[in-house]
Amino acid sequence: MLNKNVVIYTNESQDSVKLKNILNEWDIDYEERNISENNDYLIELQKKGIFATPATFIDNYCIQGVQPDHLKTELNIN
């Protein structure tokens, strides 16, 4: 279906849960990298210049926070 690589950086926040719920509702496959569970993911995210979660990378394009309309555009969802 979707031919895009989706990686989300999360923690234990409500916004991270909300983002995952949205992507699951849309049947989007994604890789989750929880910075609370793995410090290497935090370092990886910071090297990209991002210092807050959730952060969604779609083919290396970053959307910070929970932005459903922006996500729909980048994921080509009507």
PDB file of N, CA and C in Angstrom:
ATOM      1  N   MET A   1       0.836  -1.195   0.000  1.00  0.00           N
ATOM      2  CA  MET A   1       0.000   0.000   0.000  1.00  0.00           C
ATOM      3  C   MET A   1       0.871   1.246   0.000  1.00  0.00           C
ATOM      4  N   LEU A   2       1.420   1.592   1.139  1.00  0.00           N
ATOM      5  CA  LEU A   2       2.239   2.792   1.269  1.00  0.00           C
ATOM      6  C   LEU A   2       3.681   2.429   0.983  1.00  0.00           C
ATOM      7  N   ASN A   3       4.307   3.169   0.085  1.00  0.00           N
ATOM      8  CA  ASN A   3       5.681   2.879  -0.284  1.00  0.00           C
ATOM      9  C   ASN A   3       6.619   3.915   0.319  1.00  0.00           C
ATOM     10  N   LYS A   4       6.400   4.258   1.577  1.00  0.00           N
ATOM     11  CA  LYS A   4       7.227   5.236   2.272  1.00  0.00           C
ATOM     12  C   LYS A   4       7.750   4.620   3.559  1.00  0.00           C
ATOM     13  N   ASN A   5       8.959   5.012   3.922  1.00  0.00           N
ATOM     14  CA  ASN A   5       9.564   4.552   5.162  1.00  0.00           C
ATOM     15  C   ASN A   5       9.156   5.508   6.280  1.00  0.00           C
ATOM     16  N   VAL A   6       8.472   4.983   7.289  1.00  0.00           N
ATOM     17  CA  VAL A   6       7.984   5.809   8.392  1.00  0.00           C
ATOM     18  C   VAL A   6       8.651   5.346   9.686  1.00  0.00           C
ATOM     19  N   VAL A   7       9.347   6.283  10.337  1.00  0.00           N
ATOM     20  CA  VAL A   7       9.995   6.023  11.621  1.00  0.00           C
ATOM     21  C   VAL A   7       9.502   7.080  12.595  1.00  0.00           C
ATOM     22  N   ILE A   8       9.017   6.634  13.755  1.00  0.00           N
ATOM     23  CA  ILE A   8       8.581   7.596  14.764  1.00  0.00           C
ATOM     24  C   ILE A   8       9.455   7.472  16.006  1.00  0.00           C
ATOM     25  N   TYR A   9       9.876   8.618  16.494  1.00  0.00           N
ATOM     26  CA  TYR A   9      10.614   8.692  17.753  1.00  0.00           C
ATOM     27  C   TYR A   9       9.610   9.104  18.814  1.00  0.00           C
ATOM     28  N   THR A  10       9.520   8.304  19.864  1.00  0.00           N
ATOM     29  CA  THR A  10       8.508   8.514  20.890  1.00  0.00           C
ATOM     30  C   THR A  10       9.131   8.470  22.279  1.00  0.00           C
ATOM     31  N   ASN A  11       8.291   8.774  23.251  1.00  0.00           N
ATOM     32  CA  ASN A  11       8.600   8.531  24.661  1.00  0.00           C
ATOM     33  C   ASN A  11       7.298   8.061  25.297  1.00  0.00           C
ATOM     34  N   GLU A  12       7.141   8.262  26.573  1.00  0.00           N
ATOM     35  CA  GLU A  12       5.942   7.772  27.262  1.00  0.00           C
ATOM     36  C   GLU A  12       4.835   8.825  27.356  1.00  0.00           C
ATOM     37  N   SER A  13       4.929   9.887  26.574  1.00  0.00           N
ATOM     38  CA  SER A  13       3.969  10.989  26.663  1.00  0.00           C
ATOM     39  C   SER A  13       2.637  10.654  25.998  1.00  0.00           C
ATOM     40  N   GLN A  14       1.619  11.426  26.364  1.00  0.00           N
ATOM     41  CA  GLN A  14       0.296  11.279  25.749  1.00  0.00           C
ATOM     42  C   GLN A  14       0.345  11.613  24.261  1.00  0.00           C
ATOM     43  N   ASP A  15       1.187  12.583  23.874  1.00  0.00           N
ATOM     44  CA  ASP A  15       1.305  12.916  22.454  1.00  0.00           C
ATOM     45  C   ASP A  15       1.855  11.741  21.651  1.00  0.00           C
ATOM     46  N   SER A  16       2.800  11.019  22.229  1.00  0.00           N
ATOM     47  CA  SER A  16       3.339   9.838  21.538  1.00  0.00           C
ATOM     48  C   SER A  16       2.260   8.776  21.366  1.00  0.00           C
ATOM     49  N   VAL A  17       1.466   8.569  22.393  1.00  0.00           N
ATOM     50  CA  VAL A  17       0.355   7.609  22.313  1.00  0.00           C
ATOM     51  C   VAL A  17      -0.646   8.055  21.253  1.00  0.00           C
ATOM     52  N   LYS A  18      -0.951   9.334  21.230  1.00  0.00           N
ATOM     53  CA  LYS A  18      -1.899   9.875  20.255  1.00  0.00           C
ATOM     54  C   LYS A  18      -1.393   9.659  18.827  1.00  0.00           C
ATOM     55  N   LEU A  19      -0.102   9.929  18.603  1.00  0.00           N
ATOM     56  CA  LEU A  19       0.480   9.736  17.277  1.00  0.00           C
ATOM     57  C   LEU A  19       0.383   8.274  16.843  1.00  0.00           C
ATOM     58  N   LYS A  20       0.748   7.360  17.721  1.00  0.00           N
ATOM     59  CA  LYS A  20       0.677   5.932  17.388  1.00  0.00           C
ATOM     60  C   LYS A  20      -0.760   5.511  17.094  1.00  0.00           C
ATOM     61  N   ASN A  21      -1.716   6.018  17.862  1.00  0.00           N
ATOM     62  CA  ASN A  21      -3.125   5.694  17.620  1.00  0.00           C
ATOM     63  C   ASN A  21      -3.572   6.164  16.243  1.00  0.00           C
ATOM     64  N   ILE A  22      -3.151   7.360  15.853  1.00  0.00           N
ATOM     65  CA  ILE A  22      -3.506   7.897  14.532  1.00  0.00           C
ATOM     66  C   ILE A  22      -2.929   7.017  13.430  1.00  0.00           C
ATOM     67  N   LEU A  23      -1.640   6.705  13.524  1.00  0.00           N
ATOM     68  CA  LEU A  23      -1.002   5.887  12.490  1.00  0.00           C
ATOM     69  C   LEU A  23      -1.613   4.492  12.431  1.00  0.00           C
ATOM     70  N   ASN A  24      -1.931   3.928  13.585  1.00  0.00           N
ATOM     71  CA  ASN A  24      -2.579   2.610  13.611  1.00  0.00           C
ATOM     72  C   ASN A  24      -3.970   2.662  12.990  1.00  0.00           C
ATOM     73  N   GLU A  25      -4.710   3.720  13.280  1.00  0.00           N
ATOM     74  CA  GLU A  25      -6.054   3.889  12.717  1.00  0.00           C
ATOM     75  C   GLU A  25      -5.993   3.962  11.193  1.00  0.00           C
ATOM     76  N   TRP A  26      -4.944   4.579  10.667  1.00  0.00           N
ATOM     77  CA  TRP A  26      -4.770   4.710   9.218  1.00  0.00           C
ATOM     78  C   TRP A  26      -4.073   3.497   8.600  1.00  0.00           C
ATOM     79  N   ASP A  27      -3.780   2.482   9.401  1.00  0.00           N
ATOM     80  CA  ASP A  27      -3.082   1.275   8.929  1.00  0.00           C
ATOM     81  C   ASP A  27      -1.724   1.585   8.303  1.00  0.00           C
ATOM     82  N   ILE A  28      -0.995   2.497   8.925  1.00  0.00           N
ATOM     83  CA  ILE A  28       0.342   2.868   8.462  1.00  0.00           C
ATOM     84  C   ILE A  28       1.371   2.010   9.196  1.00  0.00           C
ATOM     85  N   ASP A  29       2.215   1.331   8.437  1.00  0.00           N
ATOM     86  CA  ASP A  29       3.320   0.588   9.037  1.00  0.00           C
ATOM     87  C   ASP A  29       4.410   1.577   9.417  1.00  0.00           C
ATOM     88  N   TYR A  30       4.949   1.414  10.611  1.00  0.00           N
ATOM     89  CA  TYR A  30       6.007   2.311  11.066  1.00  0.00           C
ATOM     90  C   TYR A  30       6.944   1.569  12.003  1.00  0.00           C
ATOM     91  N   GLU A  31       8.140   2.120  12.119  1.00  0.00           N
ATOM     92  CA  GLU A  31       9.101   1.632  13.105  1.00  0.00           C
ATOM     93  C   GLU A  31       9.103   2.623  14.253  1.00  0.00           C
ATOM     94  N   GLU A  32       8.899   2.132  15.455  1.00  0.00           N
ATOM     95  CA  GLU A  32       8.917   3.004  16.633  1.00  0.00           C
ATOM     96  C   GLU A  32      10.281   2.932  17.304  1.00  0.00           C
ATOM     97  N   ARG A  33      10.813   4.105  17.623  1.00  0.00           N
ATOM     98  CA  ARG A  33      12.068   4.203  18.365  1.00  0.00           C
ATOM     99  C   ARG A  33      11.788   5.009  19.630  1.00  0.00           C
ATOM    100  N   ASN A  34      11.609   4.292  20.731  1.00  0.00           N
ATOM    101  CA  ASN A  34      11.245   4.917  22.000  1.00  0.00           C
ATOM    102  C   ASN A  34      12.512   5.362  22.728  1.00  0.00           C
ATOM    103  N   ILE A  35      12.667   6.683  22.872  1.00  0.00           N
ATOM    104  CA  ILE A  35      13.881   7.224  23.494  1.00  0.00           C
ATOM    105  C   ILE A  35      13.927   6.961  24.990  1.00  0.00           C
ATOM    106  N   SER A  36      12.777   6.659  25.596  1.00  0.00           N
ATOM    107  CA  SER A  36      12.741   6.328  27.024  1.00  0.00           C
ATOM    108  C   SER A  36      13.307   4.934  27.281  1.00  0.00           C
ATOM    109  N   GLU A  37      13.207   4.080  26.285  1.00  0.00           N
ATOM    110  CA  GLU A  37      13.658   2.695  26.422  1.00  0.00           C
ATOM    111  C   GLU A  37      15.065   2.466  25.885  1.00  0.00           C
ATOM    112  N   ASN A  38      15.527   3.352  25.010  1.00  0.00           N
ATOM    113  CA  ASN A  38      16.831   3.161  24.383  1.00  0.00           C
ATOM    114  C   ASN A  38      17.502   4.520  24.191  1.00  0.00           C
ATOM    115  N   ASN A  39      18.526   4.791  24.978  1.00  0.00           N
ATOM    116  CA  ASN A  39      19.212   6.081  24.924  1.00  0.00           C
ATOM    117  C   ASN A  39      19.889   6.322  23.572  1.00  0.00           C
ATOM    118  N   ASP A  40      20.254   5.254  22.865  1.00  0.00           N
ATOM    119  CA  ASP A  40      20.851   5.416  21.536  1.00  0.00           C
ATOM    120  C   ASP A  40      19.890   6.127  20.590  1.00  0.00           C
ATOM    121  N   TYR A  41      18.589   5.872  20.743  1.00  0.00           N
ATOM    122  CA  TYR A  41      17.596   6.550  19.908  1.00  0.00           C
ATOM    123  C   TYR A  41      17.554   8.044  20.215  1.00  0.00           C
ATOM    124  N   LEU A  42      17.714   8.405  21.485  1.00  0.00           N
ATOM    125  CA  LEU A  42      17.758   9.817  21.867  1.00  0.00           C
ATOM    126  C   LEU A  42      18.947  10.500  21.205  1.00  0.00           C
ATOM    127  N   ILE A  43      20.102   9.881  21.274  1.00  0.00           N
ATOM    128  CA  ILE A  43      21.310  10.444  20.662  1.00  0.00           C
ATOM    129  C   ILE A  43      21.130  10.566  19.151  1.00  0.00           C
ATOM    130  N   GLU A  44      20.572   9.535  18.539  1.00  0.00           N
ATOM    131  CA  GLU A  44      20.306   9.527  17.098  1.00  0.00           C
ATOM    132  C   GLU A  44      19.393  10.694  16.713  1.00  0.00           C
ATOM    133  N   LEU A  45      18.348  10.906  17.489  1.00  0.00           N
ATOM    134  CA  LEU A  45      17.402  11.984  17.223  1.00  0.00           C
ATOM    135  C   LEU A  45      18.069  13.343  17.375  1.00  0.00           C
ATOM    136  N   GLN A  46      18.855  13.508  18.424  1.00  0.00           N
ATOM    137  CA  GLN A  46      19.537  14.777  18.656  1.00  0.00           C
ATOM    138  C   GLN A  46      20.548  15.079  17.551  1.00  0.00           C
ATOM    139  N   LYS A  47      21.194  14.070  17.010  1.00  0.00           N
ATOM    140  CA  LYS A  47      22.126  14.273  15.893  1.00  0.00           C
ATOM    141  C   LYS A  47      21.408  14.795  14.656  1.00  0.00           C
ATOM    142  N   LYS A  48      20.110  14.532  14.577  1.00  0.00           N
ATOM    143  CA  LYS A  48      19.297  15.039  13.468  1.00  0.00           C
ATOM    144  C   LYS A  48      18.815  16.466  13.740  1.00  0.00           C
ATOM    145  N   GLY A  49      19.169  16.995  14.920  1.00  0.00           N
ATOM    146  CA  GLY A  49      18.763  18.350  15.277  1.00  0.00           C
ATOM    147  C   GLY A  49      17.376  18.438  15.877  1.00  0.00           C
ATOM    148  N   ILE A  50      16.835  17.314  16.319  1.00  0.00           N
ATOM    149  CA  ILE A  50      15.495  17.273  16.907  1.00  0.00           C
ATOM    150  C   ILE A  50      15.644  16.976  18.394  1.00  0.00           C
ATOM    151  N   PHE A  51      14.971  17.784  19.214  1.00  0.00           N
ATOM    152  CA  PHE A  51      15.128  17.668  20.662  1.00  0.00           C
ATOM    153  C   PHE A  51      13.805  17.453  21.397  1.00  0.00           C
ATOM    154  N   ALA A  52      12.770  17.062  20.666  1.00  0.00           N
ATOM    155  CA  ALA A  52      11.465  16.822  21.287  1.00  0.00           C
ATOM    156  C   ALA A  52      10.782  15.655  20.580  1.00  0.00           C
ATOM    157  N   THR A  53       9.940  14.974  21.326  1.00  0.00           N
ATOM    158  CA  THR A  53       9.143  13.895  20.749  1.00  0.00           C
ATOM    159  C   THR A  53       7.666  14.206  20.968  1.00  0.00           C
ATOM    160  N   PRO A  54       6.795  13.632  20.177  1.00  0.00           N
ATOM    161  CA  PRO A  54       7.100  12.698  19.113  1.00  0.00           C
ATOM    162  C   PRO A  54       7.629  13.405  17.859  1.00  0.00           C
ATOM    163  N   ALA A  55       8.405  12.668  17.094  1.00  0.00           N
ATOM    164  CA  ALA A  55       8.909  13.146  15.811  1.00  0.00           C
ATOM    165  C   ALA A  55       8.714  12.022  14.805  1.00  0.00           C
ATOM    166  N   THR A  56       8.090  12.352  13.685  1.00  0.00           N
ATOM    167  CA  THR A  56       7.812  11.373  12.643  1.00  0.00           C
ATOM    168  C   THR A  56       8.690  11.667  11.445  1.00  0.00           C
ATOM    169  N   PHE A  57       9.439  10.665  11.015  1.00  0.00           N
ATOM    170  CA  PHE A  57      10.248  10.792   9.807  1.00  0.00           C
ATOM    171  C   PHE A  57       9.598   9.960   8.715  1.00  0.00           C
ATOM    172  N   ILE A  58       9.253  10.626   7.623  1.00  0.00           N
ATOM    173  CA  ILE A  58       8.668   9.974   6.463  1.00  0.00           C
ATOM    174  C   ILE A  58       9.667  10.159   5.331  1.00  0.00           C
ATOM    175  N   ASP A  59      10.340   9.071   4.964  1.00  0.00           N
ATOM    176  CA  ASP A  59      11.423   9.159   3.976  1.00  0.00           C
ATOM    177  C   ASP A  59      12.385  10.293   4.324  1.00  0.00           C
ATOM    178  N   ASN A  60      12.786  10.374   5.576  1.00  0.00           N
ATOM    179  CA  ASN A  60      13.744  11.352   6.107  1.00  0.00           C
ATOM    180  C   ASN A  60      13.199  12.775   6.219  1.00  0.00           C
ATOM    181  N   TYR A  61      11.927  13.000   5.926  1.00  0.00           N
ATOM    182  CA  TYR A  61      11.282  14.295   6.143  1.00  0.00           C
ATOM    183  C   TYR A  61      10.651  14.258   7.529  1.00  0.00           C
ATOM    184  N   CYS A  62      10.935  15.270   8.350  1.00  0.00           N
ATOM    185  CA  CYS A  62      10.490  15.247   9.746  1.00  0.00           C
ATOM    186  C   CYS A  62       9.246  16.095   9.979  1.00  0.00           C
ATOM    187  N   ILE A  63       8.301  15.516  10.706  1.00  0.00           N
ATOM    188  CA  ILE A  63       7.134  16.233  11.211  1.00  0.00           C
ATOM    189  C   ILE A  63       7.187  16.113  12.723  1.00  0.00           C
ATOM    190  N   GLN A  64       7.286  17.246  13.400  1.00  0.00           N
ATOM    191  CA  GLN A  64       7.367  17.233  14.855  1.00  0.00           C
ATOM    192  C   GLN A  64       5.987  17.368  15.476  1.00  0.00           C
ATOM    193  N   GLY A  65       5.795  16.689  16.597  1.00  0.00           N
ATOM    194  CA  GLY A  65       4.525  16.760  17.301  1.00  0.00           C
ATOM    195  C   GLY A  65       3.468  15.898  16.638  1.00  0.00           C
ATOM    196  N   VAL A  66       2.220  16.191  16.970  1.00  0.00           N
ATOM    197  CA  VAL A  66       1.079  15.464  16.411  1.00  0.00           C
ATOM    198  C   VAL A  66       0.355  16.424  15.475  1.00  0.00           C
ATOM    199  N   GLN A  67       0.529  16.212  14.168  1.00  0.00           N
ATOM    200  CA  GLN A  67      -0.057  17.082  13.151  1.00  0.00           C
ATOM    201  C   GLN A  67      -0.773  16.220  12.105  1.00  0.00           C
ATOM    202  N   PRO A  68      -1.990  15.792  12.404  1.00  0.00           N
ATOM    203  CA  PRO A  68      -2.695  14.873  11.498  1.00  0.00           C
ATOM    204  C   PRO A  68      -2.801  15.366  10.057  1.00  0.00           C
ATOM    205  N   ASP A  69      -3.112  16.633   9.849  1.00  0.00           N
ATOM    206  CA  ASP A  69      -3.260  17.136   8.477  1.00  0.00           C
ATOM    207  C   ASP A  69      -1.938  17.077   7.724  1.00  0.00           C
ATOM    208  N   HIS A  70      -0.864  17.448   8.388  1.00  0.00           N
ATOM    209  CA  HIS A  70       0.465  17.400   7.773  1.00  0.00           C
ATOM    210  C   HIS A  70       0.856  15.951   7.476  1.00  0.00           C
ATOM    211  N   LEU A  71       0.569  15.058   8.403  1.00  0.00           N
ATOM    212  CA  LEU A  71       0.849  13.640   8.185  1.00  0.00           C
ATOM    213  C   LEU A  71       0.074  13.106   6.982  1.00  0.00           C
ATOM    214  N   LYS A  72      -1.207  13.461   6.881  1.00  0.00           N
ATOM    215  CA  LYS A  72      -2.019  13.009   5.747  1.00  0.00           C
ATOM    216  C   LYS A  72      -1.419  13.454   4.424  1.00  0.00           C
ATOM    217  N   THR A  73      -0.952  14.700   4.382  1.00  0.00           N
ATOM    218  CA  THR A  73      -0.352  15.222   3.154  1.00  0.00           C
ATOM    219  C   THR A  73       0.887  14.422   2.777  1.00  0.00           C
ATOM    220  N   GLU A  74       1.786  14.232   3.724  1.00  0.00           N
ATOM    221  CA  GLU A  74       3.043  13.534   3.444  1.00  0.00           C
ATOM    222  C   GLU A  74       2.839  12.050   3.159  1.00  0.00           C
ATOM    223  N   LEU A  75       1.787  11.471   3.717  1.00  0.00           N
ATOM    224  CA  LEU A  75       1.501  10.049   3.508  1.00  0.00           C
ATOM    225  C   LEU A  75       0.532   9.806   2.350  1.00  0.00           C
ATOM    226  N   ASN A  76       0.126  10.888   1.686  1.00  0.00           N
ATOM    227  CA  ASN A  76      -0.816  10.801   0.561  1.00  0.00           C
ATOM    228  C   ASN A  76      -2.125  10.129   0.949  1.00  0.00           C
ATOM    229  N   ILE A  77      -2.660  10.561   2.092  1.00  0.00           N
ATOM    230  CA  ILE A  77      -3.944  10.046   2.571  1.00  0.00           C
ATOM    231  C   ILE A  77      -5.003  11.115   2.314  1.00  0.00           C
ATOM    232  N   ASN A  78      -6.115  10.705   1.710  1.00  0.00           N
ATOM    233  CA  ASN A  78      -7.192  11.674   1.412  1.00  0.00           C
ATOM    234  C   ASN A  78      -8.107  11.867   2.580  1.00  0.00           C
TER     235      ASN A  78
END
